[in-house]
C-alpha atoms as a PDB file:
ATOM      1  CA  MET A   1       2.515 -12.500 -62.003  1.00  0.00           C
ATOM      2  CA  SER A   2      -0.876 -12.136 -61.205  1.00  0.00           C
ATOM      3  CA  GLN A   3      -2.631  -9.212 -59.370  1.00  0.00           C
ATOM      4  CA  GLN A   4      -3.982 -11.988 -56.755  1.00  0.00           C
ATOM      5  CA  ASP A   5      -0.326 -13.237 -56.239  1.00  0.00           C
ATOM      6  CA  LYS A   6       0.637  -9.453 -55.763  1.00  0.00           C
ATOM      7  CA  ARG A   7      -1.945  -9.031 -52.872  1.00  0.00           C
ATOM      8  CA  GLU A   8      -1.101 -12.368 -51.168  1.00  0.00           C
ATOM      9  CA  LYS A   9       2.420 -11.748 -51.131  1.00  0.00           C
ATOM     10  CA  GLU A  10       2.008  -8.060 -49.745  1.00  0.00           C
ATOM     11  CA  LEU A  11      -1.008  -9.629 -47.442  1.00  0.00           C
ATOM     12  CA  LEU A  12       1.980 -11.809 -46.374  1.00  0.00           C
ATOM     13  CA  THR A  13       4.676  -9.173 -45.866  1.00  0.00           C
ATOM     14  CA  LYS A  14       1.962  -6.936 -43.824  1.00  0.00           C
ATOM     15  CA  LEU A  15       1.141 -10.009 -41.282  1.00  0.00           C
ATOM     16  CA  HIS A  16       4.987 -11.169 -41.255  1.00  0.00           C
ATOM     17  CA  LYS A  17       5.460  -7.302 -40.067  1.00  0.00           C
ATOM     18  CA  ASP A  18       2.888  -7.219 -37.815  1.00  0.00           C
ATOM     19  CA  TRP A  19       3.806 -10.899 -36.216  1.00  0.00           C
ATOM     20  CA  GLN A  20       7.081  -9.277 -35.415  1.00  0.00           C
ATOM     21  CA  GLN A  21       5.568  -6.373 -33.831  1.00  0.00           C
ATOM     22  CA  LEU A  22       3.632  -8.591 -31.594  1.00  0.00           C
ATOM     23  CA  ASP A  23       6.631 -10.451 -30.600  1.00  0.00           C
ATOM     24  CA  GLU A  24       8.725  -7.294 -29.978  1.00  0.00           C
ATOM     25  CA  LEU A  25       5.390  -6.125 -27.634  1.00  0.00           C
ATOM     26  CA  GLY A  26       5.199  -9.434 -25.786  1.00  0.00           C
ATOM     27  CA  SER A  27       8.969  -9.429 -24.434  1.00  0.00           C
ATOM     28  CA  PRO A  28       9.567  -6.164 -22.789  1.00  0.00           C
ATOM     29  CA  PRO A  29      12.920  -5.035 -22.346  1.00  0.00           C
ATOM     30  CA  ILE A  30      15.008  -6.234 -19.869  1.00  0.00           C
ATOM     31  CA  PRO A  31      16.311  -3.629 -17.602  1.00  0.00           C
ATOM     32  CA  THR A  32      20.575  -3.309 -17.225  1.00  0.00           C
ATOM     33  CA  ALA A  33      22.301  -3.427 -13.774  1.00  0.00           C
ATOM     34  CA  HIS A  34      22.609   0.215 -13.866  1.00  0.00           C
ATOM     35  CA  GLN A  35      19.285   0.664 -14.187  1.00  0.00           C
ATOM     36  CA  MET A  36      18.029  -1.941 -11.434  1.00  0.00           C
ATOM     37  CA  GLN A  37      20.319  -0.104  -9.041  1.00  0.00           C
ATOM     38  CA  GLU A  38      18.805   3.036  -9.914  1.00  0.00           C
ATOM     39  CA  GLN A  39      15.506   1.472  -9.444  1.00  0.00           C
ATOM     40  CA  LEU A  40      16.446   0.443  -5.919  1.00  0.00           C
ATOM     41  CA  HIS A  41      17.782   3.540  -4.923  1.00  0.00           C
ATOM     42  CA  LEU A  42      14.726   5.274  -5.741  1.00  0.00           C
ATOM     43  CA  ALA A  43      12.328   2.572  -3.730  1.00  0.00           C
ATOM     44  CA  LYS A  44      14.930   2.704  -0.875  1.00  0.00           C
ATOM     45  CA  SER A  45      14.728   6.625  -0.593  1.00  0.00           C
ATOM     46  CA  ALA A  46      10.777   6.543  -1.365  1.00  0.00           C
ATOM     47  CA  LYS A  47      10.470   4.111   1.745  1.00  0.00           C
ATOM     48  CA  ARG A  48      12.583   5.665   3.691  1.00  0.00           C
ATOM     49  CA  LYS A  49      10.904   8.885   3.316  1.00  0.00           C
ATOM     50  CA  ALA A  50       7.660   7.346   4.026  1.00  0.00           C
ATOM     51  CA  PHE A  51       8.983   6.181   7.568  1.00  0.00           C
ATOM     52  CA  GLN A  52      10.257   9.511   8.852  1.00  0.00           C
ATOM     53  CA  LYS A  53       7.188  11.104   7.836  1.00  0.00           C
ATOM     54  CA  GLU A  54       5.169   7.976   9.750  1.00  0.00           C
ATOM     55  CA  LEU A  55       7.711   8.579  12.631  1.00  0.00           C
ATOM     56  CA  SER A  56       7.317  11.948  12.851  1.00  0.00           C
ATOM     57  CA  ILE A  57       3.401  11.710  12.780  1.00  0.00           C
ATOM     58  CA  PHE A  58       3.712   9.669  15.533  1.00  0.00           C
ATOM     59  CA  VAL A  59       5.853  11.415  17.785  1.00  0.00           C
ATOM     60  CA  ILE A  60       3.903  14.216  17.127  1.00  0.00           C
ATOM     61  CA  THR A  61       0.630  12.765  18.181  1.00  0.00           C
ATOM     62  CA  ALA A  62       2.332  11.096  21.317  1.00  0.00           C
ATOM     63  CA  LEU A  63       3.896  14.222  22.556  1.00  0.00           C
ATOM     64  CA  ILE A  64      -0.295  16.254  22.037  1.00  0.00           C
ATOM     65  CA  LEU A  65      -1.350  13.244  23.735  1.00  0.00           C
ATOM     66  CA  LEU A  66       1.316  13.279  26.794  1.00  0.00           C
ATOM     67  CA  THR A  67       0.432  17.148  26.882  1.00  0.00           C
ATOM     68  CA  ALA A  68      -2.815  16.409  26.891  1.00  0.00           C
ATOM     69  CA  PHE A  69      -3.260  14.162  29.726  1.00  0.00           C
ATOM     70  CA  THR A  70      -0.678  16.011  31.904  1.00  0.00           C
ATOM     71  CA  THR A  71      -2.923  18.762  31.909  1.00  0.00           C
ATOM     72  CA  ALA A  72      -5.938  16.913  32.258  1.00  0.00           C
ATOM     73  CA  MET A  73      -4.070  14.994  35.451  1.00  0.00           C
ATOM     74  CA  LEU A  74      -2.653  18.378  37.045  1.00  0.00           C
ATOM     75  CA  GLN A  75      -5.790  20.657  36.104  1.00  0.00           C
ATOM     76  CA  ALA A  76      -8.849  18.299  37.027  1.00  0.00           C
ATOM     77  CA  PRO A  77      -7.693  14.756  38.367  1.00  0.00           C
ATOM     78  CA  MET A  78     -10.905  13.560  39.206  1.00  0.00           C
ATOM     79  CA  LEU A  79     -11.563  13.684  35.623  1.00  0.00           C
ATOM     80  CA  PHE A  80      -8.456  12.221  34.706  1.00  0.00           C
ATOM     81  CA  ILE A  81      -9.104   9.173  36.741  1.00  0.00           C
ATOM     82  CA  ILE A  82     -12.313   8.917  35.760  1.00  0.00           C
ATOM     83  CA  ILE A  83     -10.955   8.741  31.933  1.00  0.00           C
ATOM     84  CA  GLN A  84      -8.620   6.042  33.024  1.00  0.00           C
ATOM     85  CA  VAL A  85     -11.178   3.713  35.048  1.00  0.00           C
ATOM     86  CA  SER A  86     -13.794   4.295  32.147  1.00  0.00           C
ATOM     87  CA  ALA A  87     -10.953   2.722  29.505  1.00  0.00           C
ATOM     88  CA  PHE A  88     -10.016   0.403  31.666  1.00  0.00           C
ATOM     89  CA  VAL A  89     -13.746  -1.205  31.630  1.00  0.00           C
ATOM     90  CA  LEU A  90     -14.762  -0.312  28.423  1.00  0.00           C
ATOM     91  CA  ALA A  91     -11.322  -1.498  26.483  1.00  0.00           C
ATOM     92  CA  PRO A  92     -11.750  -5.066  27.192  1.00  0.00           C
ATOM     93  CA  ILE A  93     -15.407  -5.212  25.937  1.00  0.00           C
ATOM     94  CA  ILE A  94     -14.859  -3.205  22.757  1.00  0.00           C
ATOM     95  CA  LEU A  95     -12.033  -5.574  21.937  1.00  0.00           C
ATOM     96  CA  TYR A  96     -14.007  -8.449  22.277  1.00  0.00           C
ATOM     97  CA  PHE A  97     -16.849  -7.028  20.161  1.00  0.00           C
ATOM     98  CA  LEU A  98     -13.943  -6.197  17.407  1.00  0.00           C
ATOM     99  CA  GLN A  99     -12.285  -9.966  17.820  1.00  0.00           C
ATOM    100  CA  LYS A 100     -15.926 -11.478  17.214  1.00  0.00           C
ATOM    101  CA  ASN A 101     -16.666  -8.997  14.086  1.00  0.00           C
ATOM    102  CA  LYS A 102     -13.286  -9.813  12.808  1.00  0.00           C
ATOM    103  CA  ALA A 103     -14.071 -13.781  13.253  1.00  0.00           C
ATOM    104  CA  LYS A 104     -17.210 -12.836  11.569  1.00  0.00           C
ATOM    105  CA  GLN A 105     -15.562 -11.346   8.397  1.00  0.00           C
ATOM    106  CA  GLU A 106     -12.718 -14.414   7.997  1.00  0.00           C
ATOM    107  CA  GLY A 107     -15.914 -16.618   8.302  1.00  0.00           C
ATOM    108  CA  SER A 108     -17.660 -15.401   5.825  1.00  0.00           C
ATOM    109  CA  ILE A 109     -14.861 -14.592   3.369  1.00  0.00           C
ATOM    110  CA  LEU A 110     -14.080 -18.657   3.653  1.00  0.00           C
ATOM    111  CA  SER A 111     -17.392 -19.886   2.763  1.00  0.00           C
END
C-alpha cells in the first residue's frame, strides 16, 4: 500500500468515527419510566412550594391591608371615607386608561 492509500484510509476511519459521534449527539437518551416519575415528582413539589409561598404572601398582605383599613376606619373615619370615595372615582378612570393602553400595544404588535 502506498502512503497516500494509508492516509485516505486513516481519513475515512476518522470521518466514520466523527459521524458516529455526531449520530450519538443528535439522538439524546430516552429517560426511563423511573426517571420520568422522579422528574414529575420534583416538578410537582416545586410547583407546590411556589403555590404555598404565593399563598402565604397573599394572606400576609391581606392581613396587613385589613389591619391598616380597620385602624384607619376606627381612628380616622373621615380619612377612610375620603380614601373610599377617591378609589371609587379613580378606579374606573385608571381602568379605562389601562385598557386603552393595552389595546394600543396589541394593535402595534399585530401590525
